[in-house]
Amino acid sequence: MYDKYLTERLALRILSQSDARVVADFYARNFDDFKLYEPLPNDNITRISSQRQLLEFEREQLTQGNRVRFFVFEKDRPMKVVGTVSFRDIRYAYSNSAVLGYKIDQEYRNLGYATEAIDAGLRIVKKELEVRRVEATVLPDNEASIRVLEKLDFQREGLLREKIWIEGEWRDHYLYARIMP
């Protein structure tokens, strides 16, 4: 797997510990927004030292074939993270599946970046990791994220009741999946 992939407007990169500052900045800018959609343990995620550890862990997981996270940059702004696209719980043998996660900086939404980055990520994991089925969960009231998934041919498969603890309550999530052609 390469460390960098290009789309029409974006660069998807796999980062290393030396990039911890730009990742910490991304989380610091978006912490209050992201915690509405996912469980963030605490504001340690905005610390450079925490990001170094996380980036090291993700590199180890990538070498084991368990997970990959691409950081999204605009091509002409290579030092400011505008989003992430990740594939975790990658399974081989009888399933060849993964779970998709993604987030876009609140200042860069509604520009089509999520769709463009996820589409590229899907093509990468299909070709290089032979992933066939990709699942994603989304809060029922996250209409923008639902539109992105449906635009990318994900199908809603059901409702996962009280799936994830977010901001002090158990939240339902829709389960979406896409079978790669």
C-alpha atoms as a PDB file:
ATOM      1  CA  MET A   1       0.000   0.000   0.000  1.00  0.00           C
ATOM      2  CA  TYR A   2       1.270   3.452  -0.862  1.00  0.00           C
ATOM      3  CA  ASP A   3       1.461   6.335   1.599  1.00  0.00           C
ATOM      4  CA  LYS A   4      -0.251   8.771  -0.791  1.00  0.00           C
ATOM      5  CA  TYR A   5      -3.107   8.640  -3.292  1.00  0.00           C
ATOM      6  CA  LEU A   6      -4.477  11.503  -5.374  1.00  0.00           C
ATOM      7  CA  THR A   7      -8.000  12.281  -6.526  1.00  0.00           C
ATOM      8  CA  GLU A   8      -9.156  15.200  -8.620  1.00  0.00           C
ATOM      9  CA  ARG A   9      -8.957  17.677  -5.717  1.00  0.00           C
ATOM     10  CA  LEU A  10      -7.592  15.744  -2.780  1.00  0.00           C
ATOM     11  CA  ALA A  11      -4.614  13.839  -1.438  1.00  0.00           C
ATOM     12  CA  LEU A  12      -5.248  10.819   0.793  1.00  0.00           C
ATOM     13  CA  ARG A  13      -2.222  10.059   2.919  1.00  0.00           C
ATOM     14  CA  ILE A  14      -1.225   7.499   5.504  1.00  0.00           C
ATOM     15  CA  LEU A  15       0.606   9.506   8.144  1.00  0.00           C
ATOM     16  CA  SER A  16       3.417   8.722  10.555  1.00  0.00           C
ATOM     17  CA  GLN A  17       4.293   9.923  14.040  1.00  0.00           C
ATOM     18  CA  SER A  18       6.095  12.939  12.602  1.00  0.00           C
ATOM     19  CA  ASP A  19       2.686  14.212  11.399  1.00  0.00           C
ATOM     20  CA  ALA A  20       1.127  14.221  14.864  1.00  0.00           C
ATOM     21  CA  ARG A  21       0.900  18.027  15.048  1.00  0.00           C
ATOM     22  CA  VAL A  22      -1.350  18.390  11.964  1.00  0.00           C
ATOM     23  CA  VAL A  23      -3.611  15.590  13.234  1.00  0.00           C
ATOM     24  CA  ALA A  24      -3.847  17.145  16.707  1.00  0.00           C
ATOM     25  CA  ASP A  25      -4.727  20.489  15.076  1.00  0.00           C
ATOM     26  CA  PHE A  26      -7.497  18.798  13.068  1.00  0.00           C
ATOM     27  CA  TYR A  27      -9.041  17.346  16.229  1.00  0.00           C
ATOM     28  CA  ALA A  28      -8.611  20.574  18.173  1.00  0.00           C
ATOM     29  CA  ARG A  29     -10.486  22.536  15.479  1.00  0.00           C
ATOM     30  CA  ASN A  30     -13.318  20.009  15.384  1.00  0.00           C
ATOM     31  CA  PHE A  31     -13.480  18.431  18.838  1.00  0.00           C
ATOM     32  CA  ASP A  32     -16.818  19.955  19.900  1.00  0.00           C
ATOM     33  CA  ASP A  33     -18.421  18.952  16.605  1.00  0.00           C
ATOM     34  CA  PHE A  34     -16.997  15.427  16.355  1.00  0.00           C
ATOM     35  CA  LYS A  35     -18.104  14.492  19.864  1.00  0.00           C
ATOM     36  CA  LEU A  36     -21.731  14.901  18.744  1.00  0.00           C
ATOM     37  CA  TYR A  37     -21.304  12.000  16.295  1.00  0.00           C
ATOM     38  CA  GLU A  38     -18.823   9.631  17.895  1.00  0.00           C
ATOM     39  CA  PRO A  39     -17.459   8.717  21.299  1.00  0.00           C
ATOM     40  CA  LEU A  40     -14.313  10.747  21.872  1.00  0.00           C
ATOM     41  CA  PRO A  41     -12.659   9.650  25.102  1.00  0.00           C
ATOM     42  CA  ASN A  42     -11.534  13.125  26.169  1.00  0.00           C
ATOM     43  CA  ASP A  43      -9.604  16.088  24.900  1.00  0.00           C
ATOM     44  CA  ASN A  44      -6.337  14.054  24.984  1.00  0.00           C
ATOM     45  CA  ILE A  45      -7.082  13.388  21.335  1.00  0.00           C
ATOM     46  CA  THR A  46      -6.081  17.006  20.662  1.00  0.00           C
ATOM     47  CA  ARG A  47      -2.612  16.472  22.155  1.00  0.00           C
ATOM     48  CA  ILE A  48       0.399  15.858  19.952  1.00  0.00           C
ATOM     49  CA  SER A  49       1.730  13.118  22.245  1.00  0.00           C
ATOM     50  CA  SER A  50      -1.589  11.243  22.054  1.00  0.00           C
ATOM     51  CA  GLN A  51      -1.619  11.512  18.281  1.00  0.00           C
ATOM     52  CA  ARG A  52       1.951  10.177  18.065  1.00  0.00           C
ATOM     53  CA  GLN A  53       0.857   7.084  19.975  1.00  0.00           C
ATOM     54  CA  LEU A  54      -2.274   6.667  17.874  1.00  0.00           C
ATOM     55  CA  LEU A  55      -0.379   7.064  14.602  1.00  0.00           C
ATOM     56  CA  GLU A  56       2.159   4.461  15.726  1.00  0.00           C
ATOM     57  CA  PHE A  57      -0.672   2.071  16.650  1.00  0.00           C
ATOM     58  CA  GLU A  58      -2.345   2.616  13.276  1.00  0.00           C
ATOM     59  CA  ARG A  59       0.923   1.860  11.435  1.00  0.00           C
ATOM     60  CA  GLU A  60       1.202  -1.417  13.344  1.00  0.00           C
ATOM     61  CA  GLN A  61      -2.415  -2.254  12.514  1.00  0.00           C
ATOM     62  CA  LEU A  62      -1.788  -1.458   8.849  1.00  0.00           C
ATOM     63  CA  THR A  63       1.209  -3.803   8.689  1.00  0.00           C
ATOM     64  CA  GLN A  64      -0.984  -6.535  10.199  1.00  0.00           C
ATOM     65  CA  GLY A  65      -3.728  -5.824   7.656  1.00  0.00           C
ATOM     66  CA  ASN A  66      -6.295  -4.945  10.322  1.00  0.00           C
ATOM     67  CA  ARG A  67      -6.928  -1.263   9.651  1.00  0.00           C
ATOM     68  CA  VAL A  68      -5.963   1.685   7.489  1.00  0.00           C
ATOM     69  CA  ARG A  69      -6.703   5.370   7.961  1.00  0.00           C
ATOM     70  CA  PHE A  70      -6.212   7.933   5.238  1.00  0.00           C
ATOM     71  CA  PHE A  71      -5.899  11.570   6.176  1.00  0.00           C
ATOM     72  CA  VAL A  72      -7.465  13.859   3.619  1.00  0.00           C
ATOM     73  CA  PHE A  73      -5.779  17.031   2.401  1.00  0.00           C
ATOM     74  CA  GLU A  74      -6.580  19.462  -0.367  1.00  0.00           C
ATOM     75  CA  LYS A  75      -3.905  19.016  -3.037  1.00  0.00           C
ATOM     76  CA  ASP A  76      -2.784  22.623  -2.777  1.00  0.00           C
ATOM     77  CA  ARG A  77      -2.768  22.651   1.067  1.00  0.00           C
ATOM     78  CA  PRO A  78      -0.689  19.608   2.034  1.00  0.00           C
ATOM     79  CA  MET A  79      -0.248  20.557   5.700  1.00  0.00           C
ATOM     80  CA  LYS A  80      -3.875  20.975   6.817  1.00  0.00           C
ATOM     81  CA  VAL A  81      -5.961  17.868   7.449  1.00  0.00           C
ATOM     82  CA  VAL A  82      -9.511  18.371   6.172  1.00  0.00           C
ATOM     83  CA  GLY A  83     -10.807  14.894   6.916  1.00  0.00           C
ATOM     84  CA  THR A  84     -10.185  11.206   7.439  1.00  0.00           C
ATOM     85  CA  VAL A  85     -11.389   7.992   5.838  1.00  0.00           C
ATOM     86  CA  SER A  86     -10.692   4.776   7.690  1.00  0.00           C
ATOM     87  CA  PHE A  87     -11.317   1.082   7.262  1.00  0.00           C
ATOM     88  CA  ARG A  88     -11.126  -0.998  10.434  1.00  0.00           C
ATOM     89  CA  ASP A  89     -11.979  -4.509  11.539  1.00  0.00           C
ATOM     90  CA  ILE A  90     -10.730  -5.751   8.189  1.00  0.00           C
ATOM     91  CA  ARG A  91     -11.589  -9.426   7.881  1.00  0.00           C
ATOM     92  CA  TYR A  92     -10.285 -11.879   5.326  1.00  0.00           C
ATOM     93  CA  ALA A  93     -10.972 -15.531   4.502  1.00  0.00           C
ATOM     94  CA  TYR A  94     -14.737 -15.986   4.429  1.00  0.00           C
ATOM     95  CA  SER A  95     -15.811 -12.375   4.756  1.00  0.00           C
ATOM     96  CA  ASN A  96     -13.352  -9.947   3.086  1.00  0.00           C
ATOM     97  CA  SER A  97     -15.073  -7.082   4.856  1.00  0.00           C
ATOM     98  CA  ALA A  98     -14.304  -3.831   6.648  1.00  0.00           C
ATOM     99  CA  VAL A  99     -16.023  -1.092   8.631  1.00  0.00           C
ATOM    100  CA  LEU A 100     -15.869   2.413   7.181  1.00  0.00           C
ATOM    101  CA  GLY A 101     -15.365   5.513   9.289  1.00  0.00           C
ATOM    102  CA  TYR A 102     -14.999   9.075   8.088  1.00  0.00           C
ATOM    103  CA  LYS A 103     -15.089  12.658   9.199  1.00  0.00           C
ATOM    104  CA  ILE A 104     -14.680  16.027   7.509  1.00  0.00           C
ATOM    105  CA  ASP A 105     -13.537  19.286   9.085  1.00  0.00           C
ATOM    106  CA  GLN A 106     -16.639  21.380   9.750  1.00  0.00           C
ATOM    107  CA  GLU A 107     -15.259  24.213   7.575  1.00  0.00           C
ATOM    108  CA  TYR A 108     -14.917  21.883   4.553  1.00  0.00           C
ATOM    109  CA  ARG A 109     -18.326  20.256   4.488  1.00  0.00           C
ATOM    110  CA  ASN A 110     -20.754  20.435   1.581  1.00  0.00           C
ATOM    111  CA  LEU A 111     -17.896  20.590  -0.931  1.00  0.00           C
ATOM    112  CA  GLY A 112     -18.144  16.943  -1.959  1.00  0.00           C
ATOM    113  CA  TYR A 113     -14.885  16.088  -0.187  1.00  0.00           C
ATOM    114  CA  ALA A 114     -16.394  13.233   1.849  1.00  0.00           C
ATOM    115  CA  THR A 115     -17.830  11.587  -1.255  1.00  0.00           C
ATOM    116  CA  GLU A 116     -14.606  12.035  -3.222  1.00  0.00           C
ATOM    117  CA  ALA A 117     -12.373  10.759  -0.416  1.00  0.00           C
ATOM    118  CA  ILE A 118     -14.564   7.769   0.510  1.00  0.00           C
ATOM    119  CA  ASP A 119     -14.905   6.769  -3.138  1.00  0.00           C
ATOM    120  CA  ALA A 120     -11.113   6.776  -3.494  1.00  0.00           C
ATOM    121  CA  GLY A 121     -10.701   4.842  -0.243  1.00  0.00           C
ATOM    122  CA  LEU A 122     -13.184   2.208  -1.389  1.00  0.00           C
ATOM    123  CA  ARG A 123     -11.299   1.700  -4.647  1.00  0.00           C
ATOM    124  CA  ILE A 124      -7.992   1.402  -2.757  1.00  0.00           C
ATOM    125  CA  VAL A 125      -9.163  -1.209  -0.242  1.00  0.00           C
ATOM    126  CA  LYS A 126     -10.912  -3.204  -2.944  1.00  0.00           C
ATOM    127  CA  LYS A 127      -7.813  -3.322  -5.136  1.00  0.00           C
ATOM    128  CA  GLU A 128      -5.076  -3.606  -2.533  1.00  0.00           C
ATOM    129  CA  LEU A 129      -6.764  -5.418   0.361  1.00  0.00           C
ATOM    130  CA  GLU A 130      -9.419  -7.294  -1.631  1.00  0.00           C
ATOM    131  CA  VAL A 131     -12.208  -5.993   0.594  1.00  0.00           C
ATOM    132  CA  ARG A 132     -15.569  -6.979  -0.843  1.00  0.00           C
ATOM    133  CA  ARG A 133     -18.138  -5.776   1.716  1.00  0.00           C
ATOM    134  CA  VAL A 134     -17.918  -2.446   3.540  1.00  0.00           C
ATOM    135  CA  GLU A 135     -20.218  -1.518   6.414  1.00  0.00           C
ATOM    136  CA  ALA A 136     -20.877   1.869   7.984  1.00  0.00           C
ATOM    137  CA  THR A 137     -23.054   3.030  10.854  1.00  0.00           C
ATOM    138  CA  VAL A 138     -24.647   6.450  10.992  1.00  0.00           C
ATOM    139  CA  LEU A 139     -26.906   8.305  13.388  1.00  0.00           C
ATOM    140  CA  PRO A 140     -30.464   8.469  12.001  1.00  0.00           C
ATOM    141  CA  ASP A 141     -30.495  12.271  12.257  1.00  0.00           C
ATOM    142  CA  ASN A 142     -27.180  12.712  10.400  1.00  0.00           C
ATOM    143  CA  GLU A 143     -28.808  13.468   7.059  1.00  0.00           C
ATOM    144  CA  ALA A 144     -25.622  14.727   5.404  1.00  0.00           C
ATOM    145  CA  SER A 145     -23.768  11.512   6.164  1.00  0.00           C
ATOM    146  CA  ILE A 146     -26.706   9.407   5.009  1.00  0.00           C
ATOM    147  CA  ARG A 147     -26.714  11.302   1.690  1.00  0.00           C
ATOM    148  CA  VAL A 148     -22.985  10.610   1.245  1.00  0.00           C
ATOM    149  CA  LEU A 149     -23.407   6.887   1.877  1.00  0.00           C
ATOM    150  CA  GLU A 150     -26.415   6.576  -0.414  1.00  0.00           C
ATOM    151  CA  LYS A 151     -24.650   8.544  -3.162  1.00  0.00           C
ATOM    152  CA  LEU A 152     -21.867   5.945  -2.954  1.00  0.00           C
ATOM    153  CA  ASP A 153     -24.341   3.049  -3.373  1.00  0.00           C
ATOM    154  CA  PHE A 154     -24.484   1.973   0.260  1.00  0.00           C
ATOM    155  CA  GLN A 155     -27.780   0.316   1.155  1.00  0.00           C
ATOM    156  CA  ARG A 156     -29.501   0.654   4.506  1.00  0.00           C
ATOM    157  CA  GLU A 157     -29.703  -2.794   6.084  1.00  0.00           C
ATOM    158  CA  GLY A 158     -31.321  -2.006   9.386  1.00  0.00           C
ATOM    159  CA  LEU A 159     -31.418  -0.147  12.658  1.00  0.00           C
ATOM    160  CA  LEU A 160     -28.942  -0.987  15.412  1.00  0.00           C
ATOM    161  CA  ARG A 161     -30.740  -0.018  18.597  1.00  0.00           C
ATOM    162  CA  GLU A 162     -28.691   1.686  21.317  1.00  0.00           C
ATOM    163  CA  LYS A 163     -25.494   0.907  19.404  1.00  0.00           C
ATOM    164  CA  ILE A 164     -23.015   3.506  20.693  1.00  0.00           C
ATOM    165  CA  TRP A 165     -22.706   5.625  23.843  1.00  0.00           C
ATOM    166  CA  ILE A 166     -22.350   9.254  22.707  1.00  0.00           C
ATOM    167  CA  GLU A 167     -22.525  12.328  24.893  1.00  0.00           C
ATOM    168  CA  GLY A 168     -24.160  10.602  27.829  1.00  0.00           C
ATOM    169  CA  GLU A 169     -26.717   8.417  26.075  1.00  0.00           C
ATOM    170  CA  TRP A 170     -27.042   5.242  24.045  1.00  0.00           C
ATOM    171  CA  ARG A 171     -27.735   6.203  20.444  1.00  0.00           C
ATOM    172  CA  ASP A 172     -29.375   4.192  17.689  1.00  0.00           C
ATOM    173  CA  HIS A 173     -27.510   3.875  14.386  1.00  0.00           C
ATOM    174  CA  TYR A 174     -28.501   2.801  10.924  1.00  0.00           C
ATOM    175  CA  LEU A 175     -26.381   0.037   9.450  1.00  0.00           C
ATOM    176  CA  TYR A 176     -25.386   0.634   5.841  1.00  0.00           C
ATOM    177  CA  ALA A 177     -23.380  -1.680   3.609  1.00  0.00           C
ATOM    178  CA  ARG A 178     -21.958  -1.748   0.136  1.00  0.00           C
ATOM    179  CA  ILE A 179     -20.943  -4.829  -1.789  1.00  0.00           C
ATOM    180  CA  MET A 180     -18.014  -3.900  -3.999  1.00  0.00           C
ATOM    181  CA  PRO A 181     -18.571  -4.722  -7.693  1.00  0.00           C
END
